[in-house]
PDB file of N, CA and C in Angstrom:
ATOM      1  N   MET A   1     289.788   9.780  73.045  1.00  0.00           N
ATOM      2  CA  MET A   1     288.385   9.444  72.930  1.00  0.00           C
ATOM      3  C   MET A   1     288.237   8.172  72.099  1.00  0.00           C
ATOM      4  N   LYS A   2     287.338   7.291  72.521  1.00  0.00           N
ATOM      5  CA  LYS A   2     287.032   6.079  71.772  1.00  0.00           C
ATOM      6  C   LYS A   2     285.564   6.113  71.364  1.00  0.00           C
ATOM      7  N   LYS A   3     285.315   5.616  70.153  1.00  0.00           N
ATOM      8  CA  LYS A   3     283.945   5.538  69.642  1.00  0.00           C
ATOM      9  C   LYS A   3     283.790   4.197  68.941  1.00  0.00           C
ATOM     10  N   PHE A   4     282.669   3.490  69.204  1.00  0.00           N
ATOM     11  CA  PHE A   4     282.430   2.205  68.555  1.00  0.00           C
ATOM     12  C   PHE A   4     282.497   2.365  67.045  1.00  0.00           C
ATOM     13  N   ALA A   5     283.183   1.431  66.378  1.00  0.00           N
ATOM     14  CA  ALA A   5     283.303   1.461  64.919  1.00  0.00           C
ATOM     15  C   ALA A   5     282.550   0.299  64.273  1.00  0.00           C
ATOM     16  N   HIS A   6     282.840  -0.933  64.700  1.00  0.00           N
ATOM     17  CA  HIS A   6     282.205  -2.108  64.097  1.00  0.00           C
ATOM     18  C   HIS A   6     282.522  -3.358  64.898  1.00  0.00           C
ATOM     19  N   PHE A   7     281.832  -4.427  64.546  1.00  0.00           N
ATOM     20  CA  PHE A   7     282.192  -5.765  64.998  1.00  0.00           C
ATOM     21  C   PHE A   7     282.769  -6.474  63.788  1.00  0.00           C
ATOM     22  N   GLY A   8     283.904  -7.131  63.950  1.00  0.00           N
ATOM     23  CA  GLY A   8     284.542  -7.853  62.855  1.00  0.00           C
ATOM     24  C   GLY A   8     284.248  -9.333  62.943  1.00  0.00           C
ATOM     25  N   ALA A   9     283.811  -9.932  61.839  1.00  0.00           N
ATOM     26  CA  ALA A   9     283.484 -11.352  61.786  1.00  0.00           C
ATOM     27  C   ALA A   9     284.219 -12.011  60.631  1.00  0.00           C
ATOM     28  N   VAL A  10     284.912 -13.096  60.920  1.00  0.00           N
ATOM     29  CA  VAL A  10     285.654 -13.837  59.900  1.00  0.00           C
ATOM     30  C   VAL A  10     284.685 -14.770  59.163  1.00  0.00           C
ATOM     31  N   VAL A  11     284.780 -14.748  57.833  1.00  0.00           N
ATOM     32  CA  VAL A  11     283.969 -15.643  57.002  1.00  0.00           C
ATOM     33  C   VAL A  11     284.901 -16.544  56.193  1.00  0.00           C
ATOM     34  N   HIS A  12     284.371 -17.647  55.696  1.00  0.00           N
ATOM     35  CA  HIS A  12     285.190 -18.634  54.985  1.00  0.00           C
ATOM     36  C   HIS A  12     285.034 -18.580  53.475  1.00  0.00           C
ATOM     37  N   GLU A  13     284.252 -17.627  52.999  1.00  0.00           N
ATOM     38  CA  GLU A  13     284.112 -17.389  51.561  1.00  0.00           C
ATOM     39  C   GLU A  13     284.029 -15.889  51.326  1.00  0.00           C
ATOM     40  N   LYS A  14     284.606 -15.443  50.213  1.00  0.00           N
ATOM     41  CA  LYS A  14     284.478 -14.029  49.848  1.00  0.00           C
ATOM     42  C   LYS A  14     283.016 -13.703  49.591  1.00  0.00           C
ATOM     43  N   MET A  15     282.655 -12.478  49.910  1.00  0.00           N
ATOM     44  CA  MET A  15     281.286 -12.013  49.705  1.00  0.00           C
ATOM     45  C   MET A  15     281.296 -10.898  48.660  1.00  0.00           C
ATOM     46  N   ASP A  16     280.200 -10.734  47.960  1.00  0.00           N
ATOM     47  CA  ASP A  16     280.070  -9.640  47.002  1.00  0.00           C
ATOM     48  C   ASP A  16     280.304  -8.309  47.709  1.00  0.00           C
ATOM     49  N   GLY A  17     280.995  -7.411  47.014  1.00  0.00           N
ATOM     50  CA  GLY A  17     281.202  -6.067  47.540  1.00  0.00           C
ATOM     51  C   GLY A  17     282.399  -5.905  48.462  1.00  0.00           C
ATOM     52  N   MET A  18     283.150  -6.975  48.701  1.00  0.00           N
ATOM     53  CA  MET A  18     284.334  -6.867  49.558  1.00  0.00           C
ATOM     54  C   MET A  18     285.454  -6.149  48.813  1.00  0.00           C
ATOM     55  N   ASN A  19     286.287  -5.458  49.575  1.00  0.00           N
ATOM     56  CA  ASN A  19     287.472  -4.780  49.039  1.00  0.00           C
ATOM     57  C   ASN A  19     288.713  -5.523  49.506  1.00  0.00           C
ATOM     58  N   TYR A  20     289.735  -5.558  48.642  1.00  0.00           N
ATOM     59  CA  TYR A  20     290.961  -6.281  48.958  1.00  0.00           C
ATOM     60  C   TYR A  20     292.009  -5.341  49.523  1.00  0.00           C
ATOM     61  N   LEU A  21     292.561  -5.693  50.676  1.00  0.00           N
ATOM     62  CA  LEU A  21     293.679  -4.958  51.279  1.00  0.00           C
ATOM     63  C   LEU A  21     294.931  -5.802  51.067  1.00  0.00           C
ATOM     64  N   ALA A  22     295.670  -5.489  50.021  1.00  0.00           N
ATOM     65  CA  ALA A  22     296.815  -6.300  49.612  1.00  0.00           C
ATOM     66  C   ALA A  22     297.869  -6.404  50.709  1.00  0.00           C
ATOM     67  N   SER A  23     298.100  -5.328  51.452  1.00  0.00           N
ATOM     68  CA  SER A  23     299.135  -5.342  52.483  1.00  0.00           C
ATOM     69  C   SER A  23     298.825  -6.338  53.594  1.00  0.00           C
ATOM     70  N   LEU A  24     297.544  -6.687  53.761  1.00  0.00           N
ATOM     71  CA  LEU A  24     297.131  -7.615  54.811  1.00  0.00           C
ATOM     72  C   LEU A  24     296.668  -8.959  54.262  1.00  0.00           C
ATOM     73  N   GLY A  25     296.501  -9.050  52.941  1.00  0.00           N
ATOM     74  CA  GLY A  25     296.007 -10.282  52.347  1.00  0.00           C
ATOM     75  C   GLY A  25     294.616 -10.637  52.829  1.00  0.00           C
ATOM     76  N   VAL A  26     293.772  -9.614  52.934  1.00  0.00           N
ATOM     77  CA  VAL A  26     292.427  -9.835  53.453  1.00  0.00           C
ATOM     78  C   VAL A  26     291.403  -9.064  52.626  1.00  0.00           C
ATOM     79  N   TRP A  27     290.249  -9.683  52.422  1.00  0.00           N
ATOM     80  CA  TRP A  27     289.101  -9.047  51.788  1.00  0.00           C
ATOM     81  C   TRP A  27     288.192  -8.562  52.916  1.00  0.00           C
ATOM     82  N   VAL A  28     287.696  -7.331  52.827  1.00  0.00           N
ATOM     83  CA  VAL A  28     286.843  -6.784  53.878  1.00  0.00           C
ATOM     84  C   VAL A  28     285.599  -6.135  53.287  1.00  0.00           C
ATOM     85  N   SER A  29     284.509  -6.243  54.033  1.00  0.00           N
ATOM     86  CA  SER A  29     283.284  -5.537  53.656  1.00  0.00           C
ATOM     87  C   SER A  29     283.264  -4.202  54.403  1.00  0.00           C
ATOM     88  N   ASP A  30     282.408  -3.320  53.967  1.00  0.00           N
ATOM     89  CA  ASP A  30     282.257  -2.020  54.607  1.00  0.00           C
ATOM     90  C   ASP A  30     281.168  -2.130  55.669  1.00  0.00           C
ATOM     91  N   PRO A  31     281.521  -1.991  56.952  1.00  0.00           N
ATOM     92  CA  PRO A  31     280.507  -2.127  57.992  1.00  0.00           C
ATOM     93  C   PRO A  31     279.409  -1.069  57.907  1.00  0.00           C
ATOM     94  N   ALA A  32     279.670   0.035  57.232  1.00  0.00           N
ATOM     95  CA  ALA A  32     278.638   1.070  57.060  1.00  0.00           C
ATOM     96  C   ALA A  32     277.495   0.565  56.184  1.00  0.00           C
ATOM     97  N   ASN A  33     277.756  -0.483  55.402  1.00  0.00           N
ATOM     98  CA  ASN A  33     276.721  -1.057  54.536  1.00  0.00           C
ATOM     99  C   ASN A  33     275.956  -2.204  55.184  1.00  0.00           C
ATOM    100  N   ASP A  34     276.284  -2.525  56.430  1.00  0.00           N
ATOM    101  CA  ASP A  34     275.625  -3.625  57.125  1.00  0.00           C
ATOM    102  C   ASP A  34     274.692  -3.055  58.199  1.00  0.00           C
ATOM    103  N   PRO A  35     273.450  -3.543  58.285  1.00  0.00           N
ATOM    104  CA  PRO A  35     272.500  -2.982  59.254  1.00  0.00           C
ATOM    105  C   PRO A  35     272.938  -3.164  60.711  1.00  0.00           C
ATOM    106  N   ASN A  36     273.855  -4.100  60.966  1.00  0.00           N
ATOM    107  CA  ASN A  36     274.334  -4.344  62.330  1.00  0.00           C
ATOM    108  C   ASN A  36     275.774  -3.881  62.540  1.00  0.00           C
ATOM    109  N   THR A  37     276.302  -3.108  61.593  1.00  0.00           N
ATOM    110  CA  THR A  37     277.662  -2.557  61.657  1.00  0.00           C
ATOM    111  C   THR A  37     278.706  -3.668  61.783  1.00  0.00           C
ATOM    112  N   ILE A  38     278.526  -4.726  60.990  1.00  0.00           N
ATOM    113  CA  ILE A  38     279.487  -5.828  60.979  1.00  0.00           C
ATOM    114  C   ILE A  38     280.414  -5.681  59.781  1.00  0.00           C
ATOM    115  N   GLU A  39     281.705  -5.845  60.039  1.00  0.00           N
ATOM    116  CA  GLU A  39     282.729  -5.893  58.989  1.00  0.00           C
ATOM    117  C   GLU A  39     283.085  -7.366  58.803  1.00  0.00           C
ATOM    118  N   TYR A  40     282.847  -7.889  57.608  1.00  0.00           N
ATOM    119  CA  TYR A  40     283.177  -9.276  57.324  1.00  0.00           C
ATOM    120  C   TYR A  40     284.578  -9.337  56.728  1.00  0.00           C
ATOM    121  N   LEU A  41     285.368 -10.321  57.173  1.00  0.00           N
ATOM    122  CA  LEU A  41     286.752 -10.471  56.729  1.00  0.00           C
ATOM    123  C   LEU A  41     286.973 -11.863  56.173  1.00  0.00           C
ATOM    124  N   TYR A  42     287.626 -11.918  55.017  1.00  0.00           N
ATOM    125  CA  TYR A  42     288.029 -13.184  54.415  1.00  0.00           C
ATOM    126  C   TYR A  42     289.538 -13.120  54.192  1.00  0.00           C
ATOM    127  N   PHE A  43     290.280 -14.024  54.821  1.00  0.00           N
ATOM    128  CA  PHE A  43     291.740 -14.017  54.749  1.00  0.00           C
ATOM    129  C   PHE A  43     292.239 -14.950  53.659  1.00  0.00           C
ATOM    130  N   ASP A  44     293.133 -14.428  52.800  1.00  0.00           N
ATOM    131  CA  ASP A  44     293.791 -15.249  51.785  1.00  0.00           C
ATOM    132  C   ASP A  44     294.687 -16.282  52.465  1.00  0.00           C
ATOM    133  N   GLU A  45     294.980 -17.351  51.728  1.00  0.00           N
ATOM    134  CA  GLU A  45     295.893 -18.386  52.237  1.00  0.00           C
ATOM    135  C   GLU A  45     297.239 -17.810  52.665  1.00  0.00           C
ATOM    136  N   ASN A  46     297.736 -16.827  51.930  1.00  0.00           N
ATOM    137  CA  ASN A  46     299.064 -16.277  52.196  1.00  0.00           C
ATOM    138  C   ASN A  46     299.022 -14.982  53.010  1.00  0.00           C
ATOM    139  N   SER A  47     297.916 -14.680  53.635  1.00  0.00           N
ATOM    140  CA  SER A  47     297.815 -13.471  54.439  1.00  0.00           C
ATOM    141  C   SER A  47     298.810 -13.515  55.589  1.00  0.00           C
ATOM    142  N   PRO A  48     299.569 -12.431  55.810  1.00  0.00           N
ATOM    143  CA  PRO A  48     300.474 -12.410  56.948  1.00  0.00           C
ATOM    144  C   PRO A  48     299.720 -12.454  58.284  1.00  0.00           C
ATOM    145  N   MET A  49     298.415 -12.240  58.246  1.00  0.00           N
ATOM    146  CA  MET A  49     297.603 -12.268  59.464  1.00  0.00           C
ATOM    147  C   MET A  49     296.955 -13.634  59.699  1.00  0.00           C
ATOM    148  N   LYS A  50     297.150 -14.575  58.794  1.00  0.00           N
ATOM    149  CA  LYS A  50     296.431 -15.856  58.798  1.00  0.00           C
ATOM    150  C   LYS A  50     296.525 -16.602  60.132  1.00  0.00           C
ATOM    151  N   GLU A  51     297.643 -16.509  60.817  1.00  0.00           N
ATOM    152  CA  GLU A  51     297.829 -17.252  62.074  1.00  0.00           C
ATOM    153  C   GLU A  51     297.620 -16.392  63.312  1.00  0.00           C
ATOM    154  N   THR A  52     297.123 -15.186  63.152  1.00  0.00           N
ATOM    155  CA  THR A  52     296.882 -14.314  64.308  1.00  0.00           C
ATOM    156  C   THR A  52     295.474 -14.533  64.847  1.00  0.00           C
ATOM    157  N   PRO A  53     295.220 -14.099  66.079  1.00  0.00           N
ATOM    158  CA  PRO A  53     293.860 -14.190  66.618  1.00  0.00           C
ATOM    159  C   PRO A  53     292.827 -13.449  65.760  1.00  0.00           C
ATOM    160  N   VAL A  54     293.257 -12.449  65.014  1.00  0.00           N
ATOM    161  CA  VAL A  54     292.348 -11.671  64.171  1.00  0.00           C
ATOM    162  C   VAL A  54     291.682 -12.566  63.128  1.00  0.00           C
ATOM    163  N   ALA A  55     292.437 -13.502  62.571  1.00  0.00           N
ATOM    164  CA  ALA A  55     291.916 -14.392  61.531  1.00  0.00           C
ATOM    165  C   ALA A  55     291.185 -15.601  62.100  1.00  0.00           C
ATOM    166  N   LYS A  56     291.182 -15.734  63.416  1.00  0.00           N
ATOM    167  CA  LYS A  56     290.592 -16.914  64.050  1.00  0.00           C
ATOM    168  C   LYS A  56     289.181 -16.681  64.577  1.00  0.00           C
ATOM    169  N   GLY A  57     288.781 -15.417  64.722  1.00  0.00           N
ATOM    170  CA  GLY A  57     287.455 -15.161  65.289  1.00  0.00           C
ATOM    171  C   GLY A  57     287.090 -13.696  65.218  1.00  0.00           C
ATOM    172  N   GLY A  58     286.079 -13.320  65.962  1.00  0.00           N
ATOM    173  CA  GLY A  58     285.557 -11.966  65.910  1.00  0.00           C
ATOM    174  C   GLY A  58     286.342 -10.973  66.756  1.00  0.00           C
ATOM    175  N   HIS A  59     286.098  -9.712  66.483  1.00  0.00           N
ATOM    176  CA  HIS A  59     286.704  -8.640  67.269  1.00  0.00           C
ATOM    177  C   HIS A  59     285.753  -7.457  67.332  1.00  0.00           C
ATOM    178  N   ILE A  60     285.963  -6.607  68.312  1.00  0.00           N
ATOM    179  CA  ILE A  60     285.230  -5.359  68.415  1.00  0.00           C
ATOM    180  C   ILE A  60     286.203  -4.238  68.090  1.00  0.00           C
ATOM    181  N   ALA A  61     285.730  -3.223  67.375  1.00  0.00           N
ATOM    182  CA  ALA A  61     286.621  -2.151  66.925  1.00  0.00           C
ATOM    183  C   ALA A  61     286.116  -0.785  67.384  1.00  0.00           C
ATOM    184  N   PHE A  62     287.077   0.063  67.718  1.00  0.00           N
ATOM    185  CA  PHE A  62     286.796   1.425  68.150  1.00  0.00           C
ATOM    186  C   PHE A  62     287.650   2.401  67.360  1.00  0.00           C
ATOM    187  N   LEU A  63     287.089   3.556  67.047  1.00  0.00           N
ATOM    188  CA  LEU A  63     287.850   4.658  66.466  1.00  0.00           C
ATOM    189  C   LEU A  63     288.532   5.398  67.602  1.00  0.00           C
ATOM    190  N   VAL A  64     289.795   5.748  67.400  1.00  0.00           N
ATOM    191  CA  VAL A  64     290.545   6.514  68.399  1.00  0.00           C
ATOM    192  C   VAL A  64     291.226   7.687  67.719  1.00  0.00           C
ATOM    193  N   ASP A  65     291.501   8.711  68.499  1.00  0.00           N
ATOM    194  CA  ASP A  65     292.161   9.901  67.963  1.00  0.00           C
ATOM    195  C   ASP A  65     293.651   9.690  67.734  1.00  0.00           C
ATOM    196  N   ASN A  66     294.314   8.980  68.651  1.00  0.00           N
ATOM    197  CA  ASN A  66     295.759   8.778  68.568  1.00  0.00           C
ATOM    198  C   ASN A  66     296.063   7.322  68.920  1.00  0.00           C
ATOM    199  N   ILE A  67     296.191   6.490  67.913  1.00  0.00           N
ATOM    200  CA  ILE A  67     296.354   5.054  68.132  1.00  0.00           C
ATOM    201  C   ILE A  67     297.630   4.727  68.906  1.00  0.00           C
ATOM    202  N   ASP A  68     298.718   5.421  68.601  1.00  0.00           N
ATOM    203  CA  ASP A  68     299.982   5.115  69.275  1.00  0.00           C
ATOM    204  C   ASP A  68     299.882   5.392  70.770  1.00  0.00           C
ATOM    205  N   GLU A  69     299.197   6.444  71.130  1.00  0.00           N
ATOM    206  CA  GLU A  69     298.959   6.769  72.533  1.00  0.00           C
ATOM    207  C   GLU A  69     298.050   5.729  73.181  1.00  0.00           C
ATOM    208  N   GLN A  70     296.990   5.361  72.491  1.00  0.00           N
ATOM    209  CA  GLN A  70     295.981   4.451  73.049  1.00  0.00           C
ATOM    210  C   GLN A  70     296.500   3.029  73.263  1.00  0.00           C
ATOM    211  N   VAL A  71     297.478   2.592  72.478  1.00  0.00           N
ATOM    212  CA  VAL A  71     297.970   1.215  72.640  1.00  0.00           C
ATOM    213  C   VAL A  71     299.192   1.120  73.552  1.00  0.00           C
ATOM    214  N   GLN A  72     299.649   2.243  74.081  1.00  0.00           N
ATOM    215  CA  GLN A  72     300.782   2.193  75.002  1.00  0.00           C
ATOM    216  C   GLN A  72     300.443   1.268  76.168  1.00  0.00           C
ATOM    217  N   GLY A  73     301.339   0.342  76.466  1.00  0.00           N
ATOM    218  CA  GLY A  73     301.146  -0.596  77.562  1.00  0.00           C
ATOM    219  C   GLY A  73     300.317  -1.816  77.197  1.00  0.00           C
ATOM    220  N   LYS A  74     299.803  -1.877  75.971  1.00  0.00           N
ATOM    221  CA  LYS A  74     299.016  -3.024  75.526  1.00  0.00           C
ATOM    222  C   LYS A  74     299.916  -3.954  74.714  1.00  0.00           C
ATOM    223  N   ASN A  75     299.664  -5.242  74.811  1.00  0.00           N
ATOM    224  CA  ASN A  75     300.430  -6.230  74.055  1.00  0.00           C
ATOM    225  C   ASN A  75     299.692  -6.498  72.742  1.00  0.00           C
ATOM    226  N   CYS A  76     300.056  -5.780  71.704  1.00  0.00           N
ATOM    227  CA  CYS A  76     299.376  -5.897  70.408  1.00  0.00           C
ATOM    228  C   CYS A  76     299.766  -7.199  69.706  1.00  0.00           C
ATOM    229  N   CYS A  77     298.764  -7.891  69.174  1.00  0.00           N
ATOM    230  CA  CYS A  77     299.047  -9.085  68.372  1.00  0.00           C
ATOM    231  C   CYS A  77     299.214  -8.713  66.904  1.00  0.00           C
ATOM    232  N   TRP A  78     298.838  -7.468  66.543  1.00  0.00           N
ATOM    233  CA  TRP A  78     299.046  -6.962  65.180  1.00  0.00           C
ATOM    234  C   TRP A  78     299.033  -5.448  65.219  1.00  0.00           C
ATOM    235  N   GLY A  79     300.082  -4.840  64.691  1.00  0.00           N
ATOM    236  CA  GLY A  79     300.152  -3.388  64.594  1.00  0.00           C
ATOM    237  C   GLY A  79     300.734  -2.767  65.850  1.00  0.00           C
ATOM    238  N   PRO A  80     300.653  -1.443  65.919  1.00  0.00           N
ATOM    239  CA  PRO A  80     299.975  -0.538  64.992  1.00  0.00           C
ATOM    240  C   PRO A  80     300.671  -0.475  63.634  1.00  0.00           C
ATOM    241  N   MET A  81     299.854  -0.331  62.607  1.00  0.00           N
ATOM    242  CA  MET A  81     300.373  -0.275  61.242  1.00  0.00           C
ATOM    243  C   MET A  81     299.385   0.475  60.355  1.00  0.00           C
ATOM    244  N   ASP A  82     299.881   0.923  59.211  1.00  0.00           N
ATOM    245  CA  ASP A  82     299.021   1.567  58.215  1.00  0.00           C
ATOM    246  C   ASP A  82     298.379   0.475  57.373  1.00  0.00           C
ATOM    247  N   ALA A  83     297.063   0.319  57.486  1.00  0.00           N
ATOM    248  CA  ALA A  83     296.344  -0.688  56.706  1.00  0.00           C
ATOM    249  C   ALA A  83     296.197  -0.224  55.265  1.00  0.00           C
ATOM    250  N   VAL A  84     295.824   1.014  55.103  1.00  0.00           N
ATOM    251  CA  VAL A  84     295.740   1.717  53.820  1.00  0.00           C
ATOM    252  C   VAL A  84     296.134   3.156  54.124  1.00  0.00           C
ATOM    253  N   PRO A  85     296.469   3.944  53.113  1.00  0.00           N
ATOM    254  CA  PRO A  85     296.852   5.331  53.383  1.00  0.00           C
ATOM    255  C   PRO A  85     295.771   6.062  54.197  1.00  0.00           C
ATOM    256  N   GLY A  86     296.199   6.630  55.320  1.00  0.00           N
ATOM    257  CA  GLY A  86     295.288   7.397  56.164  1.00  0.00           C
ATOM    258  C   GLY A  86     294.530   6.590  57.202  1.00  0.00           C
ATOM    259  N   VAL A  87     294.780   5.265  57.248  1.00  0.00           N
ATOM    260  CA  VAL A  87     294.088   4.417  58.225  1.00  0.00           C
ATOM    261  C   VAL A  87     295.116   3.551  58.946  1.00  0.00           C
ATOM    262  N   ARG A  88     295.248   3.771  60.268  1.00  0.00           N
ATOM    263  CA  ARG A  88     296.145   2.961  61.099  1.00  0.00           C
ATOM    264  C   ARG A  88     295.304   2.054  61.986  1.00  0.00           C
ATOM    265  N   ILE A  89     295.771   0.812  62.142  1.00  0.00           N
ATOM    266  CA  ILE A  89     295.060  -0.158  62.971  1.00  0.00           C
ATOM    267  C   ILE A  89     296.008  -0.854  63.929  1.00  0.00           C
ATOM    268  N   ALA A  90     295.448  -1.373  65.008  1.00  0.00           N
ATOM    269  CA  ALA A  90     296.180  -2.216  65.952  1.00  0.00           C
ATOM    270  C   ALA A  90     295.173  -3.147  66.620  1.00  0.00           C
ATOM    271  N   PHE A  91     295.596  -4.385  66.862  1.00  0.00           N
ATOM    272  CA  PHE A  91     294.752  -5.372  67.523  1.00  0.00           C
ATOM    273  C   PHE A  91     295.437  -5.831  68.803  1.00  0.00           C
ATOM    274  N   PHE A  92     294.654  -6.023  69.849  1.00  0.00           N
ATOM    275  CA  PHE A  92     295.154  -6.508  71.128  1.00  0.00           C
ATOM    276  C   PHE A  92     294.004  -7.181  71.864  1.00  0.00           C
ATOM    277  N   THR A  93     294.335  -7.935  72.895  1.00  0.00           N
ATOM    278  CA  THR A  93     293.314  -8.536  73.748  1.00  0.00           C
ATOM    279  C   THR A  93     293.192  -7.657  74.985  1.00  0.00           C
ATOM    280  N   ASP A  94     291.967  -7.225  75.279  1.00  0.00           N
ATOM    281  CA  ASP A  94     291.777  -6.329  76.427  1.00  0.00           C
ATOM    282  C   ASP A  94     291.827  -7.113  77.739  1.00  0.00           C
ATOM    283  N   GLU A  95     291.654  -6.420  78.840  1.00  0.00           N
ATOM    284  CA  GLU A  95     291.781  -7.037  80.163  1.00  0.00           C
ATOM    285  C   GLU A  95     290.723  -8.110  80.433  1.00  0.00           C
ATOM    286  N   PHE A  96     289.683  -8.176  79.616  1.00  0.00           N
ATOM    287  CA  PHE A  96     288.643  -9.190  79.779  1.00  0.00           C
ATOM    288  C   PHE A  96     288.804 -10.341  78.783  1.00  0.00           C
ATOM    289  N   GLY A  97     289.858 -10.281  77.956  1.00  0.00           N
ATOM    290  CA  GLY A  97     290.109 -11.333  76.979  1.00  0.00           C
ATOM    291  C   GLY A  97     289.432 -11.112  75.638  1.00  0.00           C
ATOM    292  N   THR A  98     288.890  -9.923  75.415  1.00  0.00           N
ATOM    293  CA  THR A  98     288.193  -9.606  74.167  1.00  0.00           C
ATOM    294  C   THR A  98     289.177  -9.081  73.134  1.00  0.00           C
ATOM    295  N   LEU A  99     289.187  -9.684  71.960  1.00  0.00           N
ATOM    296  CA  LEU A  99     290.027  -9.183  70.876  1.00  0.00           C
ATOM    297  C   LEU A  99     289.465  -7.835  70.437  1.00  0.00           C
ATOM    298  N   THR A 100     290.311  -6.829  70.481  1.00  0.00           N
ATOM    299  CA  THR A 100     289.892  -5.452  70.249  1.00  0.00           C
ATOM    300  C   THR A 100     290.775  -4.816  69.182  1.00  0.00           C
ATOM    301  N   GLU A 101     290.155  -4.035  68.325  1.00  0.00           N
ATOM    302  CA  GLU A 101     290.890  -3.270  67.309  1.00  0.00           C
ATOM    303  C   GLU A 101     290.714  -1.790  67.615  1.00  0.00           C
ATOM    304  N   TYR A 102     291.813  -1.061  67.530  1.00  0.00           N
ATOM    305  CA  TYR A 102     291.745   0.393  67.530  1.00  0.00           C
ATOM    306  C   TYR A 102     292.061   0.832  66.112  1.00  0.00           C
ATOM    307  N   CYS A 103     291.337   1.819  65.641  1.00  0.00           N
ATOM    308  CA  CYS A 103     291.486   2.325  64.283  1.00  0.00           C
ATOM    309  C   CYS A 103     291.553   3.848  64.330  1.00  0.00           C
ATOM    310  N   GLN A 104     292.544   4.381  63.658  1.00  0.00           N
ATOM    311  CA  GLN A 104     292.697   5.841  63.559  1.00  0.00           C
ATOM    312  C   GLN A 104     292.583   6.222  62.089  1.00  0.00           C
ATOM    313  N   CYS A 105     291.606   7.067  61.779  1.00  0.00           N
ATOM    314  CA  CYS A 105     291.384   7.493  60.393  1.00  0.00           C
ATOM    315  C   CYS A 105     291.653   8.982  60.249  1.00  0.00           C
TER     316      CYS A 105
END
């Protein structure tokens, strides 16, 4: 099952209230606090994701029950990996060219 989670938007300055994910070198906002369910991302200079499509533009994200099952046959540009304890993510481009994130919590 897939359920819409958020839209991810890259910003060029850190915003108040962002949380730092050290493993990814990225600051993120909580999309639950945004009226349009947007997750804002600010990538550090040394982020291992800095040169990926994720750091270059927006993405749409869905919650999934089993991320490893859901990404089978997809060419992931990042992940699947544990972003933080209890949260696995993977990014890929769907058949229409849309950068998509699957998230398992």
